[in-house]
N, C-alpha and C. Protein backbone atom coordinates (compact mmCIF):
# COMPACT_ATOMS: atom_id res chain seq x y z
N UNK A 1 0.78 -1.34 -0.16
CA UNK A 1 -0.02 -0.42 -0.19
C UNK A 1 0.86 1.32 0.34
N UNK A 2 0.61 1.91 -0.48
CA UNK A 2 1.27 3.11 -1.01
C UNK A 2 0.22 4.35 -0.36
N UNK A 3 1.07 5.84 -0.39
CA UNK A 3 0.36 7.07 -0.19
C UNK A 3 0.85 8.09 -0.97
N UNK A 4 -0.67 8.62 -1.48
CA UNK A 4 -0.42 9.38 -2.69
C UNK A 4 -0.67 10.96 -1.87
N UNK A 5 -0.49 11.52 -2.43
CA UNK A 5 -0.89 12.77 -2.08
C UNK A 5 -1.43 13.84 -2.73
N UNK A 6 -2.49 14.59 -2.14
CA UNK A 6 -3.25 15.07 -3.30
C UNK A 6 -3.69 16.53 -2.48
N UNK A 7 -4.10 17.38 -3.10
CA UNK A 7 -4.13 18.90 -2.82
C UNK A 7 -5.15 18.80 -1.32
N UNK A 8 -5.57 20.25 -0.79
CA UNK A 8 -6.87 19.91 -0.31
C UNK A 8 -7.76 20.08 -0.76
N UNK A 9 -7.99 21.10 -1.77
CA UNK A 9 -9.19 21.17 -2.77
C UNK A 9 -9.72 19.83 -2.97
N UNK A 10 -8.82 19.16 -3.68
CA UNK A 10 -9.45 17.94 -4.32
C UNK A 10 -9.65 16.71 -3.25
N UNK A 11 -9.23 17.15 -1.91
CA UNK A 11 -9.52 15.91 -0.78
C UNK A 11 -10.97 16.36 -0.27
N UNK A 12 -11.23 17.46 -0.64
CA UNK A 12 -12.76 18.20 -0.25
C UNK A 12 -13.59 17.55 -0.79
N UNK A 13 -13.31 17.81 -2.36
CA UNK A 13 -13.94 17.20 -3.37
C UNK A 13 -14.48 15.87 -2.97
N UNK A 14 -12.94 14.66 -2.88
CA UNK A 14 -13.36 13.44 -2.54
C UNK A 14 -14.40 13.35 -1.49
N UNK A 15 -14.40 14.24 -0.01
CA UNK A 15 -14.84 14.21 0.94
C UNK A 15 -16.55 13.91 0.84
N UNK A 16 -16.60 15.09 -0.01
CA UNK A 16 -18.26 15.23 -0.04
C UNK A 16 -18.80 14.22 -1.22
N UNK A 17 -17.95 13.55 -2.74
CA UNK A 17 -18.33 12.76 -3.51
C UNK A 17 -18.52 11.24 -2.70
N UNK A 18 -17.43 10.91 -1.41
CA UNK A 18 -17.98 9.70 -0.73
C UNK A 18 -18.97 9.57 -0.10
N UNK A 19 -19.60 10.63 0.37
CA UNK A 19 -20.59 10.51 0.98
C UNK A 19 -21.75 10.57 0.42
N UNK A 20 -21.90 11.24 -0.82
CA UNK A 20 -22.78 10.89 -1.25
C UNK A 20 -23.21 9.87 -2.30
N UNK A 21 -21.82 9.11 -2.49
CA UNK A 21 -21.82 7.60 -2.71
C UNK A 21 -21.55 6.63 -1.90
N UNK A 22 -21.85 6.94 -0.48
CA UNK A 22 -21.38 5.87 0.80
C UNK A 22 -20.07 4.98 0.26
N UNK A 23 -19.36 5.95 -0.01
CA UNK A 23 -18.03 5.12 0.08
C UNK A 23 -17.03 5.77 1.00
N UNK A 24 -16.23 4.90 1.40
CA UNK A 24 -15.00 5.78 2.38
C UNK A 24 -14.02 7.24 1.35
N UNK A 25 -13.44 7.81 1.94
CA UNK A 25 -12.78 8.64 0.79
C UNK A 25 -11.57 8.00 0.07
N UNK A 26 -11.09 6.95 1.03
CA UNK A 26 -10.18 6.24 -0.05
C UNK A 26 -10.76 5.09 -1.08
N UNK A 27 -11.88 4.87 -0.86
CA UNK A 27 -12.85 3.88 -1.84
C UNK A 27 -12.90 4.89 -3.12
N UNK A 28 -13.25 6.24 -2.92
CA UNK A 28 -13.91 6.89 -3.57
C UNK A 28 -12.65 7.33 -4.87
N UNK A 29 -11.50 7.73 -4.20
CA UNK A 29 -10.38 7.90 -4.75
C UNK A 29 -10.23 6.77 -5.80
N UNK A 30 -10.01 5.43 -5.16
CA UNK A 30 -9.76 4.81 -5.58
C UNK A 30 -10.55 4.18 -7.28
N UNK A 31 -11.77 4.62 -6.73
CA UNK A 31 -13.05 4.32 -8.03
C UNK A 31 -12.35 5.50 -8.91
N UNK A 32 -12.52 6.96 -8.43
CA UNK A 32 -12.11 8.28 -9.67
C UNK A 32 -10.94 8.00 -10.39
N UNK A 33 -9.70 7.23 -9.98
CA UNK A 33 -8.33 7.00 -10.59
C UNK A 33 -8.90 5.77 -11.17
N UNK A 34 -9.42 4.79 -10.99
CA UNK A 34 -9.52 3.19 -11.52
C UNK A 34 -10.23 3.71 -12.89
N UNK A 35 -11.37 4.64 -12.67
CA UNK A 35 -12.43 5.11 -13.65
C UNK A 35 -11.50 5.85 -14.81
N UNK A 36 -10.67 7.42 -14.32
CA UNK A 36 -9.89 7.32 -15.35
C UNK A 36 -8.72 6.73 -15.82
N UNK A 37 -8.13 5.87 -15.12
CA UNK A 37 -7.43 5.00 -16.06
C UNK A 37 -7.90 4.07 -17.08
N UNK A 38 -9.38 3.64 -17.07
CA UNK A 38 -10.12 2.59 -18.30
C UNK A 38 -10.54 3.70 -19.23
N UNK A 39 -11.03 5.16 -18.63
CA UNK A 39 -11.26 6.31 -19.90
C UNK A 39 -10.06 6.83 -20.52
N UNK A 40 -8.98 6.62 -19.95
CA UNK A 40 -7.32 6.94 -20.51
C UNK A 40 -7.15 5.87 -21.47
N UNK A 41 -7.42 4.75 -21.19
CA UNK A 41 -7.07 3.48 -21.96
C UNK A 41 -8.24 3.46 -23.27
N UNK A 42 -9.51 3.56 -23.47
CA UNK A 42 -10.87 3.35 -23.85
C UNK A 42 -11.21 4.86 -24.33
N UNK A 43 -10.27 5.88 -25.04
CA UNK A 43 -10.71 7.26 -25.09
C UNK A 43 -12.28 7.30 -25.77
N UNK A 44 -12.59 6.24 -26.85
CA UNK A 44 -13.42 6.42 -27.75
C UNK A 44 -14.88 5.61 -26.59
N UNK A 45 -14.83 5.40 -25.47
CA UNK A 45 -16.09 4.85 -24.83
C UNK A 45 -16.55 6.26 -23.54
N UNK A 46 -17.96 5.91 -23.34
CA UNK A 46 -18.51 7.00 -22.36
C UNK A 46 -18.14 6.18 -21.43
N UNK A 47 -18.43 7.34 -20.15
CA UNK A 47 -18.60 6.87 -18.81
C UNK A 47 -19.54 5.85 -18.62
N UNK A 48 -20.61 5.93 -19.22
CA UNK A 48 -21.79 4.63 -19.07
C UNK A 48 -21.46 3.01 -19.82
N UNK A 49 -20.74 3.36 -20.93
CA UNK A 49 -20.28 2.43 -21.31
C UNK A 49 -19.11 1.80 -20.78
N UNK A 50 -18.30 2.56 -20.30
CA UNK A 50 -16.90 1.86 -18.90
C UNK A 50 -17.91 1.60 -18.04
N UNK A 51 -18.66 1.88 -17.65
CA UNK A 51 -19.70 1.30 -16.06
C UNK A 51 -20.52 0.12 -16.78
N UNK A 52 -20.47 0.01 -17.71
CA UNK A 52 -21.42 -1.24 -18.10
C UNK A 52 -20.80 -2.04 -18.52
N UNK A 53 -19.63 -1.86 -18.99
CA UNK A 53 -18.70 -3.17 -19.09
C UNK A 53 -17.79 -4.16 -17.77
N UNK A 54 -18.02 -2.99 -16.94
CA UNK A 54 -16.71 -2.68 -15.35
C UNK A 54 -18.49 -3.75 -14.84
N UNK A 55 -19.63 -3.84 -14.92
CA UNK A 55 -20.49 -4.46 -14.27
C UNK A 55 -20.72 -5.94 -15.25
N UNK A 56 -20.35 -5.56 -16.19
CA UNK A 56 -20.80 -7.09 -17.26
C UNK A 56 -19.67 -8.07 -16.57
N UNK A 57 -18.29 -7.35 -16.40
CA UNK A 57 -17.09 -8.05 -16.13
C UNK A 57 -17.32 -8.43 -14.72
N UNK A 58 -17.90 -8.39 -13.35
CA UNK A 58 -18.02 -8.64 -12.39
C UNK A 58 -18.95 -9.47 -12.46
N UNK A 59 -20.25 -9.88 -13.11
CA UNK A 59 -20.95 -10.54 -13.42
C UNK A 59 -22.07 -9.90 -12.69
N UNK A 60 -22.74 -8.61 -13.17
CA UNK A 60 -23.66 -7.88 -11.67
C UNK A 60 -24.90 -7.78 -13.14
N UNK A 61 -26.02 -8.40 -12.42
CA UNK A 61 -27.15 -9.07 -13.37
C UNK A 61 -27.65 -7.28 -13.21
N UNK A 62 -27.72 -6.43 -14.58
CA UNK A 62 -28.30 -5.13 -14.03
C UNK A 62 -29.27 -5.19 -15.13
N UNK A 63 -31.03 -5.08 -14.07
CA UNK A 63 -32.33 -4.90 -15.09
C UNK A 63 -32.20 -3.66 -16.27
N UNK A 64 -32.97 -4.12 -16.90
CA UNK A 64 -32.99 -3.12 -18.22
C UNK A 64 -34.42 -2.15 -18.15
N UNK A 65 -34.32 -1.31 -18.43
CA UNK A 65 -35.58 -0.53 -18.45
C UNK A 65 -36.45 -0.89 -19.40
N UNK A 66 -37.84 -1.16 -19.16
CA UNK A 66 -38.55 -0.74 -20.35
C UNK A 66 -39.11 0.03 -21.25
N UNK A 67 -38.84 0.01 -22.12
CA UNK A 67 -40.07 1.69 -22.95
C UNK A 67 -41.20 1.46 -22.60
N UNK A 68 -41.12 2.88 -22.32
CA UNK A 68 -43.12 3.14 -22.22
C UNK A 68 -43.29 3.16 -23.35
């Protein structure tokens, strides 16, 4: 395990986001880093497709919304 130094402003944004997303500050930072790494590796994919692929890789059964 390592230590990552970040600025106070980013840490505050992490703190706020982590409370909304029900994650620890460290888990929120790790999530942002993972998504950022995936976005850089796959620059043509939008966030929603990156997340859909990650859910599929984890074998999460996501219900589909039916058209009204």
